[in-house]
Amino acid sequence: MKEQTWILKILKNKYFVTLSLFMVWMAFFDTKDFGLIRERQIKLKELEKSEKGMAKLITETRAELSMLKTSAESVEKYAREKYLMKKDNEDIFVVKTP
């Protein structure tokens, strides 16, 4: 019986009720609720992963650019591989692997 009166006292306390309603409101109904925060954390992780991939791509591209600036042979090789360019007396056969 004492436990029930103690619980009823707490539930009738206006500060407890107000705090409880505030916590429920902030957790589920506010514009920045827990679901939105979690979605943003997931999106942030995806963007950070993408940023690392782009940084790697940038370093590879810069290395390729410096290689192309230094030697004429690398320019010729790049043009043949990427743009399928050829000399006048050559034939090109493109083989695609499945």
C-alpha atoms as a PDB file:
ATOM      1  CA  MET A   1       0.000   0.000   0.000  1.00  0.00           C
ATOM      2  CA  LYS A   2       2.853   2.366   0.807  1.00  0.00           C
ATOM      3  CA  GLU A   3       4.414   1.739  -2.606  1.00  0.00           C
ATOM      4  CA  GLN A   4       1.215   2.728  -4.385  1.00  0.00           C
ATOM      5  CA  THR A   5       0.907   5.971  -2.461  1.00  0.00           C
ATOM      6  CA  TRP A   6       4.557   6.767  -3.160  1.00  0.00           C
ATOM      7  CA  ILE A   7       4.039   6.172  -6.911  1.00  0.00           C
ATOM      8  CA  LEU A   8       0.839   8.240  -6.896  1.00  0.00           C
ATOM      9  CA  LYS A   9       2.668  11.067  -5.145  1.00  0.00           C
ATOM     10  CA  ILE A  10       5.330  11.082  -7.834  1.00  0.00           C
ATOM     11  CA  LEU A  11       2.763  10.969 -10.636  1.00  0.00           C
ATOM     12  CA  LYS A  12       0.816  13.851  -9.099  1.00  0.00           C
ATOM     13  CA  ASN A  13       3.943  15.967  -8.774  1.00  0.00           C
ATOM     14  CA  LYS A  14       3.612  18.789 -11.324  1.00  0.00           C
ATOM     15  CA  TYR A  15       7.381  19.036 -11.843  1.00  0.00           C
ATOM     16  CA  PHE A  16       7.694  15.335 -12.636  1.00  0.00           C
ATOM     17  CA  VAL A  17       4.763  15.469 -15.046  1.00  0.00           C
ATOM     18  CA  THR A  18       6.136  18.585 -16.748  1.00  0.00           C
ATOM     19  CA  LEU A  19       9.622  17.108 -17.050  1.00  0.00           C
ATOM     20  CA  SER A  20       8.221  13.839 -18.399  1.00  0.00           C
ATOM     21  CA  LEU A  21       6.108  15.595 -21.021  1.00  0.00           C
ATOM     22  CA  PHE A  22       9.069  17.755 -21.999  1.00  0.00           C
ATOM     23  CA  MET A  23      11.316  14.699 -22.443  1.00  0.00           C
ATOM     24  CA  VAL A  24       8.693  12.911 -24.555  1.00  0.00           C
ATOM     25  CA  TRP A  25       8.205  16.024 -26.676  1.00  0.00           C
ATOM     26  CA  MET A  26      11.940  16.495 -27.250  1.00  0.00           C
ATOM     27  CA  ALA A  27      12.473  12.799 -28.005  1.00  0.00           C
ATOM     28  CA  PHE A  28       9.704  12.255 -30.531  1.00  0.00           C
ATOM     29  CA  PHE A  29       7.865  15.404 -31.643  1.00  0.00           C
ATOM     30  CA  ASP A  30      10.500  18.124 -31.853  1.00  0.00           C
ATOM     31  CA  THR A  31      12.011  19.126 -35.217  1.00  0.00           C
ATOM     32  CA  LYS A  32      15.374  17.795 -34.020  1.00  0.00           C
ATOM     33  CA  ASP A  33      14.251  14.489 -32.542  1.00  0.00           C
ATOM     34  CA  PHE A  34      16.369  11.377 -32.047  1.00  0.00           C
ATOM     35  CA  GLY A  35      15.413   9.867 -35.421  1.00  0.00           C
ATOM     36  CA  LEU A  36      16.599  12.924 -37.320  1.00  0.00           C
ATOM     37  CA  ILE A  37      19.833  13.056 -35.360  1.00  0.00           C
ATOM     38  CA  ARG A  38      20.520   9.381 -36.150  1.00  0.00           C
ATOM     39  CA  GLU A  39      19.786   9.897 -39.856  1.00  0.00           C
ATOM     40  CA  ARG A  40      22.196  12.807 -39.949  1.00  0.00           C
ATOM     41  CA  GLN A  41      24.911  10.766 -38.247  1.00  0.00           C
ATOM     42  CA  ILE A  42      24.515   8.018 -40.861  1.00  0.00           C
ATOM     43  CA  LYS A  43      24.634  10.584 -43.682  1.00  0.00           C
ATOM     44  CA  LEU A  44      27.743  12.160 -42.144  1.00  0.00           C
ATOM     45  CA  LYS A  45      29.526   8.790 -42.076  1.00  0.00           C
ATOM     46  CA  GLU A  46      28.623   8.198 -45.735  1.00  0.00           C
ATOM     47  CA  LEU A  47      29.911  11.634 -46.707  1.00  0.00           C
ATOM     48  CA  GLU A  48      33.160  11.136 -44.782  1.00  0.00           C
ATOM     49  CA  LYS A  49      33.657   7.824 -46.566  1.00  0.00           C
ATOM     50  CA  SER A  50      32.996   9.528 -49.899  1.00  0.00           C
ATOM     51  CA  GLU A  51      35.442  12.293 -48.983  1.00  0.00           C
ATOM     52  CA  LYS A  52      38.193   9.753 -48.350  1.00  0.00           C
ATOM     53  CA  GLY A  53      37.505   8.131 -51.721  1.00  0.00           C
ATOM     54  CA  MET A  54      37.597  11.483 -53.490  1.00  0.00           C
ATOM     55  CA  ALA A  55      40.855  12.440 -51.748  1.00  0.00           C
ATOM     56  CA  LYS A  56      42.395   9.180 -52.957  1.00  0.00           C
ATOM     57  CA  LEU A  57      41.145   9.862 -56.481  1.00  0.00           C
ATOM     58  CA  ILE A  58      42.609  13.377 -56.386  1.00  0.00           C
ATOM     59  CA  THR A  59      46.044  12.100 -55.360  1.00  0.00           C
ATOM     60  CA  GLU A  60      45.981   9.496 -58.137  1.00  0.00           C
ATOM     61  CA  THR A  61      44.945  12.122 -60.682  1.00  0.00           C
ATOM     62  CA  ARG A  62      47.673  14.517 -59.532  1.00  0.00           C
ATOM     63  CA  ALA A  63      50.283  11.781 -59.839  1.00  0.00           C
ATOM     64  CA  GLU A  64      49.035  10.981 -63.340  1.00  0.00           C
ATOM     65  CA  LEU A  65      49.118  14.662 -64.282  1.00  0.00           C
ATOM     66  CA  SER A  66      52.683  15.094 -63.075  1.00  0.00           C
ATOM     67  CA  MET A  67      53.664  11.983 -65.043  1.00  0.00           C
ATOM     68  CA  LEU A  68      52.025  13.407 -68.176  1.00  0.00           C
ATOM     69  CA  LYS A  69      53.819  16.726 -67.744  1.00  0.00           C
ATOM     70  CA  THR A  70      57.247  15.126 -67.490  1.00  0.00           C
ATOM     71  CA  SER A  71      57.535  12.723 -70.420  1.00  0.00           C
ATOM     72  CA  ALA A  72      56.256  12.540 -73.985  1.00  0.00           C
ATOM     73  CA  GLU A  73      56.136   8.742 -73.869  1.00  0.00           C
ATOM     74  CA  SER A  74      53.615   8.819 -71.050  1.00  0.00           C
ATOM     75  CA  VAL A  75      51.443  11.275 -73.024  1.00  0.00           C
ATOM     76  CA  GLU A  76      51.466   8.922 -76.012  1.00  0.00           C
ATOM     77  CA  LYS A  77      50.672   5.925 -73.823  1.00  0.00           C
ATOM     78  CA  TYR A  78      47.839   7.813 -72.105  1.00  0.00           C
ATOM     79  CA  ALA A  79      46.323   8.906 -75.424  1.00  0.00           C
ATOM     80  CA  ARG A  80      46.463   5.370 -76.797  1.00  0.00           C
ATOM     81  CA  GLU A  81      44.896   3.788 -73.707  1.00  0.00           C
ATOM     82  CA  LYS A  82      42.246   6.337 -72.786  1.00  0.00           C
ATOM     83  CA  TYR A  83      41.214   7.825 -76.112  1.00  0.00           C
ATOM     84  CA  LEU A  84      42.113   4.922 -78.445  1.00  0.00           C
ATOM     85  CA  MET A  85      44.292   7.157 -80.606  1.00  0.00           C
ATOM     86  CA  LYS A  86      46.572   5.536 -83.148  1.00  0.00           C
ATOM     87  CA  LYS A  87      49.289   6.286 -85.615  1.00  0.00           C
ATOM     88  CA  ASP A  88      48.516   6.440 -89.351  1.00  0.00           C
ATOM     89  CA  ASN A  89      49.828   2.976 -90.169  1.00  0.00           C
ATOM     90  CA  GLU A  90      48.278   1.141 -87.177  1.00  0.00           C
ATOM     91  CA  ASP A  91      45.072  -0.774 -86.525  1.00  0.00           C
ATOM     92  CA  ILE A  92      43.434  -0.901 -83.108  1.00  0.00           C
ATOM     93  CA  PHE A  93      41.637  -3.937 -81.765  1.00  0.00           C
ATOM     94  CA  VAL A  94      39.622  -3.353 -78.596  1.00  0.00           C
ATOM     95  CA  VAL A  95      39.097  -6.459 -76.489  1.00  0.00           C
ATOM     96  CA  LYS A  96      36.614  -6.193 -73.651  1.00  0.00           C
ATOM     97  CA  THR A  97      36.654  -8.803 -70.949  1.00  0.00           C
ATOM     98  CA  PRO A  98      33.345  -9.866 -69.396  1.00  0.00           C
END
